[in-house]
Protein backbone atom coordinates (compact mmCIF):
# COMPACT_ATOMS: atom_id res chain seq x y z
CA MET A 1 12.82 -21.18 8.72
CA GLY A 2 12.89 -20.31 5.52
CA ASN A 3 9.88 -19.56 2.59
CA ARG A 4 11.26 -22.52 0.27
CA ALA A 5 10.19 -22.26 -3.49
CA ASN A 6 10.78 -24.87 -5.69
CA PHE A 7 12.07 -23.52 -9.36
CA VAL A 8 11.25 -26.07 -12.73
CA ILE A 9 12.99 -24.80 -16.10
CA VAL A 10 11.62 -27.00 -19.10
CA LYS A 11 13.92 -26.09 -21.88
CA ASP A 12 14.47 -28.32 -24.92
CA GLN A 13 12.08 -31.95 -23.92
CA ASP A 14 13.91 -31.46 -20.77
CA TRP A 15 13.46 -29.98 -17.16
CA GLN A 16 15.44 -28.66 -14.18
CA LEU A 17 14.74 -28.21 -10.29
CA TYR A 18 15.93 -25.90 -8.62
CA TYR A 19 15.72 -25.07 -4.73
CA SER A 20 15.61 -21.52 -3.08
CA HIS A 21 15.06 -20.87 0.95
CA TRP A 22 13.68 -17.61 0.70
CA ALA A 23 11.89 -17.46 -2.53
CA GLY A 24 8.46 -18.60 -1.50
CA CYS A 25 7.46 -15.06 -0.32
CA ARG A 26 9.38 -13.08 -3.08
CA ILE A 27 8.16 -15.23 -6.64
CA LEU A 28 7.96 -11.37 -8.27
CA ASP A 29 11.47 -10.73 -8.25
CA ALA A 30 12.52 -13.27 -10.49
CA LEU A 31 9.63 -12.47 -13.19
CA ILE A 32 9.18 -8.60 -13.16
CA GLY A 33 12.20 -8.88 -16.11
CA GLY A 34 10.63 -12.05 -17.91
CA PRO A 35 12.06 -15.08 -19.18
CA GLU A 36 15.72 -14.07 -19.74
CA LEU A 37 15.16 -12.68 -15.72
CA ALA A 38 13.78 -15.83 -14.35
CA LEU A 39 16.33 -18.25 -16.25
CA ARG A 40 19.21 -16.03 -14.71
CA TYR A 41 17.37 -16.33 -11.26
CA ALA A 42 16.64 -20.07 -11.07
CA GLU A 43 19.88 -21.13 -12.43
CA SER A 44 21.66 -19.01 -9.49
CA LEU A 45 20.23 -21.45 -7.17
CA ARG A 46 20.97 -24.98 -6.33
CA GLN A 47 20.05 -27.69 -8.47
CA ARG A 48 18.46 -30.65 -7.17
CA ALA A 49 17.85 -34.13 -7.98
CA LYS A 50 14.27 -34.05 -10.01
CA ASP A 51 12.76 -36.43 -7.15
CA GLN A 52 14.28 -33.81 -4.67
CA TRP A 53 11.15 -31.70 -4.15
CA VAL A 54 10.32 -29.30 -1.66
CA ASP A 55 7.97 -30.77 0.95
CA PRO A 56 3.89 -29.40 -0.05
CA VAL A 57 3.82 -28.62 3.63
CA TRP A 58 6.95 -26.51 3.43
CA ALA A 59 6.67 -24.66 0.26
CA ASP A 60 5.58 -21.07 0.19
CA GLY A 61 5.73 -20.92 -3.32
CA GLY A 62 7.11 -22.14 -6.80
CA VAL A 63 8.11 -21.26 -10.41
CA LEU A 64 7.60 -22.88 -13.86
CA VAL A 65 8.50 -21.45 -16.65
CA ASP A 66 8.35 -23.17 -19.69
CA LEU A 67 10.31 -22.38 -22.14
CA ASP A 68 9.11 -24.78 -24.88
CA ARG A 69 5.26 -24.12 -24.73
CA ARG A 70 6.31 -20.47 -23.50
CA ARG A 71 4.09 -20.94 -20.67
CA VAL A 72 5.13 -19.80 -16.91
CA LEU A 73 3.06 -21.11 -13.90
CA PHE A 74 4.01 -19.90 -10.15
CA PHE A 75 1.85 -19.40 -6.64
CA GLY A 76 3.33 -17.58 -3.49
CA ASP A 77 4.54 -14.34 -2.74
CA GLU A 78 3.23 -11.97 0.23
CA LEU A 79 2.23 -9.24 -2.69
CA MET A 80 -0.63 -12.16 -3.83
CA VAL A 81 -2.33 -12.04 -1.17
CA GLU A 82 -3.19 -8.50 -1.14
CA MET A 83 -6.62 -8.20 -3.92
CA ALA A 84 -5.49 -4.74 -5.53
CA GLU A 85 -1.88 -5.30 -5.88
CA ARG A 86 -2.70 -8.75 -7.46
CA ARG A 87 -4.98 -7.41 -10.24
CA ALA A 88 -2.66 -4.78 -10.84
CA LEU A 89 0.36 -7.44 -11.40
CA MET A 90 -1.14 -9.51 -13.21
CA SER A 91 -2.82 -7.24 -15.97
CA ALA A 92 1.04 -5.78 -15.74
CA LEU A 93 3.43 -8.50 -16.29
CA PRO A 94 2.33 -10.24 -19.76
CA ASP A 95 3.46 -6.69 -21.14
CA LEU A 96 6.60 -8.15 -19.34
CA TRP A 97 6.04 -11.81 -20.62
CA SER A 98 5.16 -11.09 -24.37
CA GLY A 99 4.28 -13.84 -26.59
CA TRP A 100 3.43 -16.27 -23.07
CA GLN A 101 0.09 -17.40 -22.23
CA ALA A 102 -0.89 -15.86 -19.43
CA GLU A 103 -3.54 -16.76 -16.82
CA CYS A 104 -4.61 -16.16 -13.44
CA TRP A 105 -6.65 -19.09 -12.08
CA GLN A 106 -8.98 -18.70 -8.30
CA ASP A 107 -9.45 -15.12 -8.61
CA ARG A 108 -13.09 -14.97 -9.10
CA PHE A 109 -13.76 -12.74 -6.17
CA GLU A 110 -16.90 -10.65 -7.77
CA GLU A 111 -18.62 -14.11 -8.53
CA GLN A 112 -18.44 -14.76 -4.86
CA ALA A 113 -19.88 -11.41 -3.57
CA LEU A 114 -22.74 -12.13 -6.54
CA ARG A 115 -23.96 -15.44 -4.98
CA CYS A 116 -24.13 -13.26 -1.62
CA ARG A 117 -26.69 -11.23 -3.03
CA GLY A 118 -25.72 -8.09 -1.25
CA ALA A 119 -24.75 -9.65 1.83
CA LEU A 120 -21.36 -9.06 1.52
CA ARG A 121 -19.78 -5.63 0.44
CA ILE A 122 -16.15 -6.17 -0.55
CA PRO A 123 -14.83 -2.53 -0.84
CA GLU A 124 -13.83 -1.20 -4.58
CA LEU A 125 -10.87 -1.77 -5.82
CA ASP A 126 -8.34 0.64 -6.68
CA LEU A 127 -5.90 -0.34 -9.31
CA ALA A 128 -3.59 2.31 -9.74
CA ALA A 129 -2.74 2.42 -5.96
CA GLY A 130 -2.04 -1.51 -6.22
CA VAL A 131 0.25 -0.76 -9.10
CA GLU A 132 1.98 1.85 -6.73
CA SER A 133 2.36 0.27 -3.97
CA ALA A 134 3.18 -3.07 -5.38
CA GLN A 135 6.19 -1.40 -7.51
CA ALA A 136 7.62 -0.35 -4.51
CA TRP A 137 7.48 -3.13 -2.81
CA ILE A 138 8.70 -5.26 -5.39
CA ARG A 139 11.55 -2.62 -5.34
CA THR A 140 12.74 -2.67 -1.81
CA ARG A 141 12.74 -6.09 -1.66
CA VAL A 142 14.94 -6.33 -5.29
CA PHE A 143 17.47 -3.56 -4.57
CA GLN A 144 17.75 -3.90 -0.27
CA ARG A 145 21.20 -4.39 0.83
CA SER A 146 21.80 -8.14 1.75
CA ALA A 147 21.94 -7.25 5.70
CA ASP A 148 17.81 -6.37 5.30
CA GLY A 149 17.52 -9.50 4.12
CA PRO A 150 16.56 -12.83 4.69
CA THR A 151 20.01 -14.03 4.72
CA GLY A 152 20.92 -10.93 6.72
CA GLN A 153 17.99 -11.49 9.10
CA ILE A 154 18.96 -15.74 10.19
CA LEU A 155 22.68 -14.10 10.25
CA LYS A 156 21.58 -12.06 13.11
CA LEU A 157 19.53 -14.61 14.78
CA ALA A 158 22.39 -16.79 14.78
CA LYS A 159 24.23 -14.17 16.05
CA LEU A 160 21.59 -13.81 19.13
CA LEU A 161 20.89 -17.24 19.47
CA ALA A 162 25.16 -18.65 19.63
CA PRO A 163 25.27 -17.62 23.32
CA VAL A 164 22.18 -20.24 24.47
CA GLY A 165 22.63 -22.68 21.50
CA PRO A 166 25.82 -23.99 21.07
CA GLY A 167 26.57 -25.50 18.04
CA LEU A 168 23.91 -24.36 16.25
CA VAL A 169 23.83 -24.65 12.55
CA VAL A 170 22.58 -22.68 9.67
CA SER A 171 22.05 -24.14 6.51
CA GLY A 172 23.60 -22.74 3.43
CA ASP A 173 20.76 -22.34 2.17
CA ALA A 174 20.01 -20.19 4.30
CA VAL A 175 22.44 -17.63 3.47
CA ALA A 176 22.44 -18.21 0.79
CA ASP A 177 22.23 -14.54 -1.01
CA CYS A 178 20.33 -14.33 -3.96
CA ALA A 179 22.40 -12.16 -6.74
CA VAL A 180 20.25 -11.85 -8.82
CA ARG A 181 18.38 -8.47 -9.92
CA PRO A 182 16.67 -7.15 -12.90
CA ARG A 183 19.05 -5.29 -15.12
CA GLY A 184 18.95 -2.18 -15.99
CA ALA A 185 16.52 -2.52 -19.15
CA GLU A 186 14.44 -5.05 -17.37
CA TRP A 187 13.89 -3.03 -14.63
CA ALA A 188 13.32 0.48 -16.88
CA ARG A 189 10.51 -2.35 -18.68
CA PHE A 190 8.71 -3.27 -15.54
CA VAL A 191 8.48 0.61 -14.52
CA ASP A 192 7.55 1.45 -17.56
CA ALA A 193 4.57 -1.58 -17.23
CA CYS A 194 3.20 -0.17 -14.05
CA ASN A 195 3.19 3.59 -15.33
CA PHE A 196 1.19 2.28 -18.67
CA ALA A 197 -0.82 0.61 -16.29
CA THR A 198 -1.61 3.10 -13.69
CA ASP A 199 -2.17 5.98 -16.67
CA SER A 200 -4.65 3.38 -18.50
CA LEU A 201 -6.41 3.22 -14.96
CA CYS A 202 -6.79 6.87 -14.17
C-alpha cells in the first residue's frame, strides 16, 4: 500500500533523488509554501541513489524542483483530478513561486469540447468554489494529526491484520511520517493567494 512519489532537487548543476511512500496523492502539500517549503519537504524524505526511481507502475506522483533554472514540474495529487480545483490552484500557485516558470500541460478541455461541436455539454466551472475547496482540502491534509493520516491508517490496518498474519512486517517507509509542514508565513501566503484568487473571480 502507498502513494509513492519521487522528489528530485536540482542544485548547483547536480541533483538528488528522494522517495516518499505517501506523497503521491498529496504533492501540493510540499508546494504551497514556495521553493523553501518544497526543499525542506524533500530533504526530510529518504534520499535514494540516483538509479533508485519508483517503478512507473507504482508512481502516483513526482516533483522536480530545479533551483538552478527556477522551474518546478510535478504530477499527482488527488486535487488535480477535479477541474475547478486544478484550474484554481494553477492560477494561485504562480504567485507563491514568484520568478519561477509556471505552465499547466494537458488541460485543454475547452478545445476538446469545441471539437465536439455542441455534442458534448460541460458544466460551467466555478473557480471561486474550486479555490475554497482546494484550500480546505489542503488545510485538512497538512494539519491533520498523524493518527488520521496515511501513517496512522497503515498502523491501524497492521494491528487489525496482526492476528491473522503473524510475522507481518510494515515497511519503515510506510510509517515514516513527514513532519514538514508550512511555517506560519508560508501558510499565510498560501491563504492570501487563495483569497486574492477568490476576490478576482467574484
